PDB file of N, CA and C in Angstrom:
ATOM      1  N   MET A   1       0.242  -1.590  -0.204  1.00  0.00           N
ATOM      2  CA  MET A   1       0.037  -0.162   0.284  1.00  0.00           C
ATOM      3  C   MET A   1       0.392   1.426  -0.189  1.00  0.00           C
ATOM      4  N   PRO A   2       0.981   1.963  -0.969  1.00  0.00           N
ATOM      5  CA  PRO A   2       1.226   3.916  -0.935  1.00  0.00           C
ATOM      6  C   PRO A   2       1.128   4.570   0.405  1.00  0.00           C
ATOM      7  N   ARG A   3       2.320   4.933   0.893  1.00  0.00           N
ATOM      8  CA  ARG A   3       1.851   5.877   2.358  1.00  0.00           C
ATOM      9  C   ARG A   3       1.741   7.129   1.116  1.00  0.00           C
ATOM     10  N   LYS A   4       0.707   8.251   2.155  1.00  0.00           N
ATOM     11  CA  LYS A   4       0.035   8.378   2.182  1.00  0.00           C
ATOM     12  C   LYS A   4       1.026  10.318   3.706  1.00  0.00           C
ATOM     13  N   TYR A   5       0.509  11.215   2.946  1.00  0.00           N
ATOM     14  CA  TYR A   5       1.341  12.271   3.272  1.00  0.00           C
ATOM     15  C   TYR A   5       0.210  12.756   3.720  1.00  0.00           C
ATOM     16  N   HIS A   6       0.450  13.647   4.456  1.00  0.00           N
ATOM     17  CA  HIS A   6      -0.315  15.772   5.252  1.00  0.00           C
ATOM     18  C   HIS A   6       1.136  16.266   5.827  1.00  0.00           C
ATOM     19  N   VAL A   7       1.062  17.042   4.717  1.00  0.00           N
ATOM     20  CA  VAL A   7       2.116  18.476   5.179  1.00  0.00           C
ATOM     21  C   VAL A   7       1.346  19.595   6.063  1.00  0.00           C
ATOM     22  N   GLU A   8       1.581  20.225   6.695  1.00  0.00           N
ATOM     23  CA  GLU A   8       0.590  22.019   7.034  1.00  0.00           C
ATOM     24  C   GLU A   8       1.391  22.242   7.727  1.00  0.00           C
ATOM     25  N   CYS A   9       0.762  23.526   6.623  1.00  0.00           N
ATOM     26  CA  CYS A   9       2.926  25.081   6.567  1.00  0.00           C
ATOM     27  C   CYS A   9       1.271  25.298   7.880  1.00  0.00           C
ATOM     28  N   GLU A  10       2.375  26.101   8.725  1.00  0.00           N
ATOM     29  CA  GLU A  10       1.425  26.939   9.616  1.00  0.00           C
ATOM     30  C   GLU A  10       2.584  28.409   9.600  1.00  0.00           C
ATOM     31  N   SER A  11       2.585  29.776   9.522  1.00  0.00           N
ATOM     32  CA  SER A  11       3.269  30.724  10.332  1.00  0.00           C
ATOM     33  C   SER A  11       2.781  31.931  11.574  1.00  0.00           C
ATOM     34  N   SER A  12       1.570  31.232  12.495  1.00  0.00           N
ATOM     35  CA  SER A  12       0.939  31.889  13.134  1.00  0.00           C
ATOM     36  C   SER A  12       1.435  31.693  14.573  1.00  0.00           C
ATOM     37  N   LEU A  13       1.353  31.872  15.256  1.00  0.00           N
ATOM     38  CA  LEU A  13       1.982  31.545  17.109  1.00  0.00           C
ATOM     39  C   LEU A  13       1.626  30.542  17.705  1.00  0.00           C
ATOM     40  N   PRO A  14       2.065  29.403  17.914  1.00  0.00           N
ATOM     41  CA  PRO A  14       1.622  28.254  18.197  1.00  0.00           C
ATOM     42  C   PRO A  14       0.973  28.505  19.615  1.00  0.00           C
ATOM     43  N   ASP A  15      -0.165  28.000  19.256  1.00  0.00           N
ATOM     44  CA  ASP A  15      -1.468  27.665  20.599  1.00  0.00           C
ATOM     45  C   ASP A  15      -2.047  26.024  20.867  1.00  0.00           C
ATOM     46  N   GLY A  16      -1.312  25.613  20.042  1.00  0.00           N
ATOM     47  CA  GLY A  16      -1.957  24.330  19.995  1.00  0.00           C
ATOM     48  C   GLY A  16      -3.661  23.940  19.017  1.00  0.00           C
ATOM     49  N   ARG A  17      -3.654  24.013  18.309  1.00  0.00           N
ATOM     50  CA  ARG A  17      -5.385  24.612  17.624  1.00  0.00           C
ATOM     51  C   ARG A  17      -4.045  23.874  16.049  1.00  0.00           C
ATOM     52  N   ILE A  18      -3.241  24.134  16.287  1.00  0.00           N
ATOM     53  CA  ILE A  18      -2.971  23.188  15.048  1.00  0.00           C
ATOM     54  C   ILE A  18      -3.234  22.121  15.236  1.00  0.00           C
ATOM     55  N   THR A  19      -3.055  21.990  16.109  1.00  0.00           N
ATOM     56  CA  THR A  19      -2.959  19.956  17.051  1.00  0.00           C
ATOM     57  C   THR A  19      -4.428  19.760  16.253  1.00  0.00           C
ATOM     58  N   ILE A  20      -4.997  20.103  17.389  1.00  0.00           N
ATOM     59  CA  ILE A  20      -6.366  18.996  16.729  1.00  0.00           C
ATOM     60  C   ILE A  20      -6.659  19.485  14.934  1.00  0.00           C
ATOM     61  N   ARG A  21      -6.885  20.720  14.231  1.00  0.00           N
ATOM     62  CA  ARG A  21      -7.045  20.546  13.518  1.00  0.00           C
ATOM     63  C   ARG A  21      -6.248  19.236  12.159  1.00  0.00           C
ATOM     64  N   LEU A  22      -4.809  19.145  12.920  1.00  0.00           N
ATOM     65  CA  LEU A  22      -4.001  18.049  12.130  1.00  0.00           C
ATOM     66  C   LEU A  22      -5.028  16.472  12.325  1.00  0.00           C
ATOM     67  N   PHE A  23      -5.336  16.484  14.237  1.00  0.00           N
ATOM     68  CA  PHE A  23      -5.400  15.195  13.672  1.00  0.00           C
ATOM     69  C   PHE A  23      -6.826  15.535  12.963  1.00  0.00           C
ATOM     70  N   GLU A  24      -8.441  16.139  12.798  1.00  0.00           N
ATOM     71  CA  GLU A  24      -8.972  16.096  12.207  1.00  0.00           C
ATOM     72  C   GLU A  24      -9.102  15.646  10.940  1.00  0.00           C
ATOM     73  N   TYR A  25      -8.105  16.463  10.610  1.00  0.00           N
ATOM     74  CA  TYR A  25      -7.652  15.901   8.555  1.00  0.00           C
ATOM     75  C   TYR A  25      -7.149  14.596   8.607  1.00  0.00           C
ATOM     76  N   ASP A  26      -6.119  14.684   9.315  1.00  0.00           N
ATOM     77  CA  ASP A  26      -5.527  13.026   9.119  1.00  0.00           C
ATOM     78  C   ASP A  26      -6.738  11.537   9.875  1.00  0.00           C
ATOM     79  N   ALA A  27      -7.921  11.626  10.024  1.00  0.00           N
ATOM     80  CA  ALA A  27      -8.264  10.843  10.511  1.00  0.00           C
ATOM     81  C   ALA A  27     -10.022  11.179   9.433  1.00  0.00           C
ATOM     82  N   GLN A  28      -9.678  12.093   8.970  1.00  0.00           N
ATOM     83  CA  GLN A  28     -10.133  12.067   8.072  1.00  0.00           C
ATOM     84  C   GLN A  28      -9.890  11.666   6.091  1.00  0.00           C
ATOM     85  N   ILE A  29      -8.652  11.698   6.560  1.00  0.00           N
ATOM     86  CA  ILE A  29      -7.841  11.303   5.515  1.00  0.00           C
ATOM     87  C   ILE A  29      -8.081   9.241   5.900  1.00  0.00           C
ATOM     88  N   ALA A  30      -7.744   9.063   7.032  1.00  0.00           N
ATOM     89  CA  ALA A  30      -8.431   7.972   6.477  1.00  0.00           C
ATOM     90  C   ALA A  30      -9.177   6.844   6.812  1.00  0.00           C
ATOM     91  N   LEU A  31     -10.645   7.396   7.300  1.00  0.00           N
ATOM     92  CA  LEU A  31     -12.347   7.376   6.889  1.00  0.00           C
ATOM     93  C   LEU A  31     -11.820   7.634   5.590  1.00  0.00           C
ATOM     94  N   ASP A  32     -11.348   8.589   4.842  1.00  0.00           N
ATOM     95  CA  ASP A  32     -11.576   8.233   3.458  1.00  0.00           C
ATOM     96  C   ASP A  32     -11.112   7.412   2.319  1.00  0.00           C
ATOM     97  N   GLU A  33      -9.835   6.124   3.076  1.00  0.00           N
ATOM     98  CA  GLU A  33      -9.035   5.265   3.041  1.00  0.00           C
ATOM     99  C   GLU A  33      -9.568   3.603   2.958  1.00  0.00           C
ATOM    100  N   GLY A  34     -10.021   3.561   4.242  1.00  0.00           N
ATOM    101  CA  GLY A  34     -10.409   2.912   5.315  1.00  0.00           C
ATOM    102  C   GLY A  34     -11.195   1.683   4.697  1.00  0.00           C
ATOM    103  N   GLU A  35     -11.414   0.559   5.289  1.00  0.00           N
ATOM    104  CA  GLU A  35     -12.151  -0.356   4.592  1.00  0.00           C
ATOM    105  C   GLU A  35     -12.674  -1.188   5.990  1.00  0.00           C
ATOM    106  N   VAL A  36     -13.482  -1.835   5.463  1.00  0.00           N
ATOM    107  CA  VAL A  36     -14.907  -1.567   6.423  1.00  0.00           C
ATOM    108  C   VAL A  36     -14.785  -3.831   5.733  1.00  0.00           C
ATOM    109  N   THR A  37     -13.460  -4.784   6.564  1.00  0.00           N
ATOM    110  CA  THR A  37     -14.132  -6.256   6.222  1.00  0.00           C
ATOM    111  C   THR A  37     -14.983  -6.722   7.389  1.00  0.00           C
ATOM    112  N   GLU A  38     -15.673  -7.947   6.817  1.00  0.00           N
ATOM    113  CA  GLU A  38     -16.558  -8.355   8.220  1.00  0.00           C
ATOM    114  C   GLU A  38     -16.723  -7.326   9.761  1.00  0.00           C
ATOM    115  N   GLU A  39     -17.693  -7.237   9.648  1.00  0.00           N
ATOM    116  CA  GLU A  39     -17.432  -5.388  10.400  1.00  0.00           C
ATOM    117  C   GLU A  39     -16.558  -5.434  11.397  1.00  0.00           C
ATOM    118  N   THR A  40     -15.414  -5.825  10.515  1.00  0.00           N
ATOM    119  CA  THR A  40     -13.667  -4.821  10.879  1.00  0.00           C
ATOM    120  C   THR A  40     -13.358  -3.254   9.924  1.00  0.00           C
ATOM    121  N   LEU A  41     -13.423  -2.853  11.131  1.00  0.00           N
ATOM    122  CA  LEU A  41     -12.955  -1.103  10.287  1.00  0.00           C
ATOM    123  C   LEU A  41     -11.804  -1.053  10.506  1.00  0.00           C
ATOM    124  N   THR A  42     -10.698  -0.425   9.048  1.00  0.00           N
ATOM    125  CA  THR A  42      -9.285  -0.929   8.923  1.00  0.00           C
ATOM    126  C   THR A  42      -9.050   0.476   9.103  1.00  0.00           C
ATOM    127  N   VAL A  43      -8.135   1.498   9.503  1.00  0.00           N
ATOM    128  CA  VAL A  43      -7.844   3.276   8.671  1.00  0.00           C
ATOM    129  C   VAL A  43      -6.805   2.931   9.104  1.00  0.00           C
ATOM    130  N   THR A  44      -5.921   3.644   8.543  1.00  0.00           N
ATOM    131  CA  THR A  44      -4.970   3.792   7.977  1.00  0.00           C
ATOM    132  C   THR A  44      -4.441   5.145   8.384  1.00  0.00           C
ATOM    133  N   PHE A  45      -3.599   5.700   9.440  1.00  0.00           N
ATOM    134  CA  PHE A  45      -3.005   7.699   9.118  1.00  0.00           C
ATOM    135  C   PHE A  45      -2.664   8.162   8.044  1.00  0.00           C
ATOM    136  N   PRO A  46      -2.287   9.161   7.885  1.00  0.00           N
ATOM    137  CA  PRO A  46      -1.162   9.474   7.250  1.00  0.00           C
ATOM    138  C   PRO A  46       0.173   9.475   7.676  1.00  0.00           C
ATOM    139  N   ASN A  47       1.172   9.989   7.280  1.00  0.00           N
ATOM    140  CA  ASN A  47       2.240  10.178   7.509  1.00  0.00           C
ATOM    141  C   ASN A  47       1.792  12.220   7.332  1.00  0.00           C
ATOM    142  N   THR A  48       1.743  12.601   9.103  1.00  0.00           N
ATOM    143  CA  THR A  48       2.316  14.020   8.880  1.00  0.00           C
ATOM    144  C   THR A  48       2.880  14.116   9.297  1.00  0.00           C
ATOM    145  N   ALA A  49       3.593  15.978   9.063  1.00  0.00           N
ATOM    146  CA  ALA A  49       4.482  16.829   9.114  1.00  0.00           C
ATOM    147  C   ALA A  49       3.550  18.024   9.400  1.00  0.00           C
ATOM    148  N   VAL A  50       4.654  18.438  10.453  1.00  0.00           N
ATOM    149  CA  VAL A  50       3.910  20.227  10.213  1.00  0.00           C
ATOM    150  C   VAL A  50       5.519  21.663   9.760  1.00  0.00           C
ATOM    151  N   LEU A  51       4.868  22.033   8.819  1.00  0.00           N
ATOM    152  CA  LEU A  51       6.020  22.694   7.675  1.00  0.00           C
ATOM    153  C   LEU A  51       5.725  24.678   8.474  1.00  0.00           C
ATOM    154  N   TYR A  52       6.694  25.130   9.975  1.00  0.00           N
ATOM    155  CA  TYR A  52       5.424  26.401  10.310  1.00  0.00           C
ATOM    156  C   TYR A  52       7.052  26.801   8.605  1.00  0.00           C
ATOM    157  N   LEU A  53       6.978  28.945   8.593  1.00  0.00           N
ATOM    158  CA  LEU A  53       7.143  29.385   8.075  1.00  0.00           C
ATOM    159  C   LEU A  53       7.955  30.533   8.695  1.00  0.00           C
ATOM    160  N   ARG A  54       6.623  31.227  10.148  1.00  0.00           N
ATOM    161  CA  ARG A  54       7.648  31.682  10.399  1.00  0.00           C
ATOM    162  C   ARG A  54       7.807  31.081  12.746  1.00  0.00           C
ATOM    163  N   THR A  55       9.078  30.698  12.870  1.00  0.00           N
ATOM    164  CA  THR A  55       9.481  30.308  14.302  1.00  0.00           C
ATOM    165  C   THR A  55       9.489  31.281  15.240  1.00  0.00           C
ATOM    166  N   TYR A  56       8.958  30.936  15.933  1.00  0.00           N
ATOM    167  CA  TYR A  56       9.556  31.663  17.678  1.00  0.00           C
ATOM    168  C   TYR A  56       9.735  31.273  18.796  1.00  0.00           C
ATOM    169  N   GLN A  57      10.173  31.343  19.822  1.00  0.00           N
ATOM    170  CA  GLN A  57      10.018  30.678  21.077  1.00  0.00           C
ATOM    171  C   GLN A  57      10.310  30.070  21.429  1.00  0.00           C
ATOM    172  N   LYS A  58       8.203  29.241  20.883  1.00  0.00           N
ATOM    173  CA  LYS A  58       7.294  29.028  21.833  1.00  0.00           C
ATOM    174  C   LYS A  58       6.959  27.861  21.172  1.00  0.00           C
ATOM    175  N   THR A  59       7.889  27.662  19.079  1.00  0.00           N
ATOM    176  CA  THR A  59       7.928  26.250  18.056  1.00  0.00           C
ATOM    177  C   THR A  59       8.474  25.296  19.430  1.00  0.00           C
ATOM    178  N   PRO A  60       7.766  24.584  18.361  1.00  0.00           N
ATOM    179  CA  PRO A  60       8.381  23.099  19.386  1.00  0.00           C
ATOM    180  C   PRO A  60       9.133  22.333  18.252  1.00  0.00           C
ATOM    181  N   ASP A  61       9.321  21.932  18.162  1.00  0.00           N
ATOM    182  CA  ASP A  61      10.530  20.256  17.209  1.00  0.00           C
ATOM    183  C   ASP A  61       9.703  19.864  17.299  1.00  0.00           C
ATOM    184  N   LYS A  62       8.709  19.488  17.831  1.00  0.00           N
ATOM    185  CA  LYS A  62       7.542  17.660  17.169  1.00  0.00           C
ATOM    186  C   LYS A  62       6.260  18.182  18.277  1.00  0.00           C
ATOM    187  N   MET A  63       5.465  17.329  17.761  1.00  0.00           N
ATOM    188  CA  MET A  63       3.954  17.609  18.292  1.00  0.00           C
ATOM    189  C   MET A  63       3.231  16.096  18.746  1.00  0.00           C
ATOM    190  N   LYS A  64       2.459  16.200  19.236  1.00  0.00           N
ATOM    191  CA  LYS A  64       3.107  14.585  19.768  1.00  0.00           C
ATOM    192  C   LYS A  64       0.781  14.195  19.742  1.00  0.00           C
ATOM    193  N   TYR A  65       0.366  13.013  19.511  1.00  0.00           N
ATOM    194  CA  TYR A  65      -1.449  12.835  19.630  1.00  0.00           C
ATOM    195  C   TYR A  65      -1.521  11.923  20.863  1.00  0.00           C
ATOM    196  N   VAL A  66      -1.793  11.836  21.985  1.00  0.00           N
ATOM    197  CA  VAL A  66      -1.996  10.457  22.065  1.00  0.00           C
ATOM    198  C   VAL A  66      -2.864   9.778  21.876  1.00  0.00           C
ATOM    199  N   ILE A  67      -3.520   9.274  22.337  1.00  0.00           N
ATOM    200  CA  ILE A  67      -4.911   8.104  21.243  1.00  0.00           C
ATOM    201  C   ILE A  67      -5.606   7.527  22.832  1.00  0.00           C
ATOM    202  N   VAL A  68      -6.067   7.323  23.034  1.00  0.00           N
ATOM    203  CA  VAL A  68      -6.265   6.920  23.975  1.00  0.00           C
ATOM    204  C   VAL A  68      -7.263   6.256  24.021  1.00  0.00           C
ATOM    205  N   THR A  69      -8.317   4.547  23.760  1.00  0.00           N
ATOM    206  CA  THR A  69      -8.725   3.919  23.441  1.00  0.00           C
ATOM    207  C   THR A  69      -8.760   2.691  24.707  1.00  0.00           C
ATOM    208  N   PRO A  70     -10.112   1.994  24.440  1.00  0.00           N
ATOM    209  CA  PRO A  70     -10.812   0.830  24.985  1.00  0.00           C
ATOM    210  C   PRO A  70      -9.346  -0.511  25.203  1.00  0.00           C
ATOM    211  N   GLY A  71      -8.700  -0.823  23.994  1.00  0.00           N
ATOM    212  CA  GLY A  71      -7.783  -1.312  23.463  1.00  0.00           C
ATOM    213  C   GLY A  71      -6.798  -1.248  24.009  1.00  0.00           C
ATOM    214  N   GLY A  72      -5.843   0.180  24.501  1.00  0.00           N
ATOM    215  CA  GLY A  72      -5.033   1.128  24.378  1.00  0.00           C
ATOM    216  C   GLY A  72      -4.982   2.218  23.818  1.00  0.00           C
ATOM    217  N   THR A  73      -3.384   2.156  24.125  1.00  0.00           N
ATOM    218  CA  THR A  73      -3.261   3.776  24.071  1.00  0.00           C
ATOM    219  C   THR A  73      -2.473   4.293  23.402  1.00  0.00           C
ATOM    220  N   VAL A  74      -2.109   5.001  22.434  1.00  0.00           N
ATOM    221  CA  VAL A  74      -1.172   5.058  20.811  1.00  0.00           C
ATOM    222  C   VAL A  74      -0.788   6.760  21.460  1.00  0.00           C
ATOM    223  N   LYS A  75       0.781   6.926  21.308  1.00  0.00           N
ATOM    224  CA  LYS A  75       1.181   7.431  21.070  1.00  0.00           C
ATOM    225  C   LYS A  75       2.177   7.505  19.556  1.00  0.00           C
ATOM    226  N   TYR A  76       2.304   9.016  19.082  1.00  0.00           N
ATOM    227  CA  TYR A  76       3.408   8.972  17.736  1.00  0.00           C
ATOM    228  C   TYR A  76       3.761  10.779  18.035  1.00  0.00           C
ATOM    229  N   ASP A  77       4.524  11.302  17.335  1.00  0.00           N
ATOM    230  CA  ASP A  77       5.136  12.281  17.310  1.00  0.00           C
ATOM    231  C   ASP A  77       4.963  12.240  16.029  1.00  0.00           C
ATOM    232  N   ILE A  78       3.694  13.703  15.849  1.00  0.00           N
ATOM    233  CA  ILE A  78       4.249  14.151  14.637  1.00  0.00           C
ATOM    234  C   ILE A  78       5.188  15.282  14.362  1.00  0.00           C
ATOM    235  N   PRO A  79       6.458  15.483  13.556  1.00  0.00           N
ATOM    236  CA  PRO A  79       7.846  16.306  12.912  1.00  0.00           C
ATOM    237  C   PRO A  79       6.830  17.834  12.557  1.00  0.00           C
ATOM    238  N   ILE A  80       7.732  18.156  13.375  1.00  0.00           N
ATOM    239  CA  ILE A  80       7.874  19.313  13.181  1.00  0.00           C
ATOM    240  C   ILE A  80       9.773  20.343  12.186  1.00  0.00           C
ATOM    241  N   MET A  81       9.002  20.460  10.735  1.00  0.00           N
ATOM    242  CA  MET A  81      10.018  21.637   9.617  1.00  0.00           C
ATOM    243  C   MET A  81      10.147  22.934  10.232  1.00  0.00           C
ATOM    244  N   LYS A  82      11.092  23.727   9.989  1.00  0.00           N
ATOM    245  CA  LYS A  82      11.015  25.190   9.909  1.00  0.00           C
ATOM    246  C   LYS A  82      11.681  25.134   8.778  1.00  0.00           C
ATOM    247  N   VAL A  83      10.997  26.589   8.261  1.00  0.00           N
ATOM    248  CA  VAL A  83      11.834  26.721   6.931  1.00  0.00           C
ATOM    249  C   VAL A  83      13.295  27.505   7.102  1.00  0.00           C
ATOM    250  N   GLN A  84      13.389  27.912   8.300  1.00  0.00           N
ATOM    251  CA  GLN A  84      14.416  29.026   8.766  1.00  0.00           C
ATOM    252  C   GLN A  84      15.657  27.709   9.238  1.00  0.00           C
ATOM    253  N   LYS A  85      15.638  26.499   9.055  1.00  0.00           N
ATOM    254  CA  LYS A  85      16.766  25.855   9.670  1.00  0.00           C
ATOM    255  C   LYS A  85      17.182  25.486   8.453  1.00  0.00           C
ATOM    256  N   TYR A  86      16.614  25.845   7.169  1.00  0.00           N
ATOM    257  CA  TYR A  86      17.337  25.189   6.012  1.00  0.00           C
ATOM    258  C   TYR A  86      18.254  26.464   5.495  1.00  0.00           C
ATOM    259  N   SER A  87      18.351  25.870   4.807  1.00  0.00           N
ATOM    260  CA  SER A  87      20.124  27.061   3.602  1.00  0.00           C
ATOM    261  C   SER A  87      18.955  26.067   2.765  1.00  0.00           C
ATOM    262  N   LEU A  88      19.733  26.991   0.708  1.00  0.00           N
ATOM    263  CA  LEU A  88      19.290  26.538  -0.393  1.00  0.00           C
ATOM    264  C   LEU A  88      19.881  24.803  -0.610  1.00  0.00           C
ATOM    265  N   ASP A  89      21.103  25.667  -0.241  1.00  0.00           N
ATOM    266  CA  ASP A  89      21.737  24.709  -0.619  1.00  0.00           C
ATOM    267  C   ASP A  89      21.712  22.954   0.104  1.00  0.00           C
ATOM    268  N   ASP A  90      21.403  23.168   1.702  1.00  0.00           N
ATOM    269  CA  ASP A  90      20.276  22.249   2.087  1.00  0.00           C
ATOM    270  C   ASP A  90      18.826  21.500   1.289  1.00  0.00           C
ATOM    271  N   ILE A  91      17.847  22.971   0.777  1.00  0.00           N
ATOM    272  CA  ILE A  91      17.011  22.268   0.059  1.00  0.00           C
ATOM    273  C   ILE A  91      17.011  21.719  -0.540  1.00  0.00           C
ATOM    274  N   PHE A  92      18.092  21.476  -1.917  1.00  0.00           N
ATOM    275  CA  PHE A  92      18.936  21.025  -3.513  1.00  0.00           C
ATOM    276  C   PHE A  92      19.041  20.079  -2.812  1.00  0.00           C
ATOM    277  N   GLU A  93      20.340  19.679  -1.705  1.00  0.00           N
ATOM    278  CA  GLU A  93      21.128  17.928  -1.850  1.00  0.00           C
ATOM    279  C   GLU A  93      19.779  17.393  -1.007  1.00  0.00           C
ATOM    280  N   LYS A  94      18.833  18.085  -0.222  1.00  0.00           N
ATOM    281  CA  LYS A  94      18.038  17.061   0.735  1.00  0.00           C
ATOM    282  C   LYS A  94      16.938  16.819  -0.331  1.00  0.00           C
ATOM    283  N   ARG A  95      17.344  17.200  -1.431  1.00  0.00           N
ATOM    284  CA  ARG A  95      16.160  18.076  -2.631  1.00  0.00           C
ATOM    285  C   ARG A  95      14.405  17.829  -1.640  1.00  0.00           C
ATOM    286  N   LEU A  96      14.670  18.488  -1.021  1.00  0.00           N
ATOM    287  CA  LEU A  96      13.244  19.016  -0.855  1.00  0.00           C
ATOM    288  C   LEU A  96      12.532  20.216  -1.159  1.00  0.00           C
ATOM    289  N   LEU A  97      12.327  20.396  -2.317  1.00  0.00           N
ATOM    290  CA  LEU A  97      11.798  20.974  -2.670  1.00  0.00           C
ATOM    291  C   LEU A  97      10.900  21.455  -3.091  1.00  0.00           C
ATOM    292  N   MET A  98       9.953  21.547  -2.067  1.00  0.00           N
ATOM    293  CA  MET A  98       8.487  21.505  -1.753  1.00  0.00           C
ATOM    294  C   MET A  98       8.813  23.273  -0.481  1.00  0.00           C
ATOM    295  N   LEU A  99      10.571  23.119  -0.379  1.00  0.00           N
ATOM    296  CA  LEU A  99      10.187  24.085   0.320  1.00  0.00           C
ATOM    297  C   LEU A  99      10.939  25.573  -0.354  1.00  0.00           C
ATOM    298  N   ILE A 100      11.173  25.466  -1.547  1.00  0.00           N
ATOM    299  CA  ILE A 100      11.963  26.434  -2.294  1.00  0.00           C
ATOM    300  C   ILE A 100       9.859  27.194  -2.582  1.00  0.00           C
ATOM    301  N   PRO A 101       9.381  27.462  -2.611  1.00  0.00           N
ATOM    302  CA  PRO A 101       8.445  28.921  -2.354  1.00  0.00           C
ATOM    303  C   PRO A 101       8.428  29.723  -1.316  1.00  0.00           C
ATOM    304  N   PHE A 102       9.257  28.218  -0.541  1.00  0.00           N
ATOM    305  CA  PHE A 102       8.631  28.929   1.132  1.00  0.00           C
ATOM    306  C   PHE A 102      10.421  29.992   1.708  1.00  0.00           C
ATOM    307  N   TYR A 103      11.020  29.596   0.850  1.00  0.00           N
ATOM    308  CA  TYR A 103      12.136  30.539   1.317  1.00  0.00           C
ATOM    309  C   TYR A 103      12.720  31.173   1.669  1.00  0.00           C
ATOM    310  N   ILE A 104      11.522  32.424   0.888  1.00  0.00           N
ATOM    311  CA  ILE A 104      11.494  33.700   1.846  1.00  0.00           C
ATOM    312  C   ILE A 104      11.410  34.727   3.028  1.00  0.00           C
ATOM    313  N   PHE A 105      10.521  33.407   3.910  1.00  0.00           N
ATOM    314  CA  PHE A 105      10.507  33.371   4.996  1.00  0.00           C
ATOM    315  C   PHE A 105      11.730  33.674   5.672  1.00  0.00           C
ATOM    316  N   SER A 106      11.868  32.944   5.699  1.00  0.00           N
ATOM    317  CA  SER A 106      14.105  32.661   5.366  1.00  0.00           C
ATOM    318  C   SER A 106      14.311  34.036   6.025  1.00  0.00           C
ATOM    319  N   HIS A 107      13.493  35.098   5.341  1.00  0.00           N
ATOM    320  CA  HIS A 107      14.583  36.112   5.315  1.00  0.00           C
ATOM    321  C   HIS A 107      13.478  37.543   5.639  1.00  0.00           C
ATOM    322  N   GLU A 108      12.753  37.210   6.355  1.00  0.00           N
ATOM    323  CA  GLU A 108      11.138  37.814   6.493  1.00  0.00           C
ATOM    324  C   GLU A 108      11.872  39.613   6.300  1.00  0.00           C
ATOM    325  N   ASN A 109      12.780  38.343   8.187  1.00  0.00           N
ATOM    326  CA  ASN A 109      13.164  39.589   8.908  1.00  0.00           C
ATOM    327  C   ASN A 109      14.685  41.239   8.629  1.00  0.00           C
ATOM    328  N   SER A 110      14.943  40.098   7.477  1.00  0.00           N
ATOM    329  CA  SER A 110      15.301  41.540   6.403  1.00  0.00           C
ATOM    330  C   SER A 110      15.433  42.067   5.799  1.00  0.00           C
ATOM    331  N   PHE A 111      13.237  41.788   5.532  1.00  0.00           N
ATOM    332  CA  PHE A 111      13.359  43.103   4.153  1.00  0.00           C
ATOM    333  C   PHE A 111      13.275  44.429   4.460  1.00  0.00           C
ATOM    334  N   PRO A 112      13.555  45.276   5.256  1.00  0.00           N
ATOM    335  CA  PRO A 112      13.217  46.537   5.605  1.00  0.00           C
ATOM    336  C   PRO A 112      15.082  46.994   5.134  1.00  0.00           C
ATOM    337  N   VAL A 113      15.130  46.628   5.285  1.00  0.00           N
ATOM    338  CA  VAL A 113      16.849  46.542   5.121  1.00  0.00           C
ATOM    339  C   VAL A 113      17.105  46.324   3.493  1.00  0.00           C
ATOM    340  N   MET A 114      16.927  45.140   2.728  1.00  0.00           N
ATOM    341  CA  MET A 114      17.177  45.816   1.631  1.00  0.00           C
ATOM    342  C   MET A 114      16.196  46.076   1.043  1.00  0.00           C
TER     343      MET A 114
END
């Protein structure tokens, strides 16, 4: 089965709301692709990450899902990418070409000088 990815871009101050939104979207993606066989629903959550266009002191390096079910608890991390941590060389070397349109955010603080 091919891997599914869900990447969200965020530019505002972290406040926890994005985690709720991510989970809602992930659950919908999982349900849309889910299968029911003999009264058993099987869902697969996508590989999720967040791309922060602007970072603040409060911006974490990861988010976490903790899903408590009657059958047990599932925990996993949601990685956070920060545009400012990638140079143009990094973007090309690591083939992270999807970051190119967002690279300008790395220089946002220098706009008045430029």
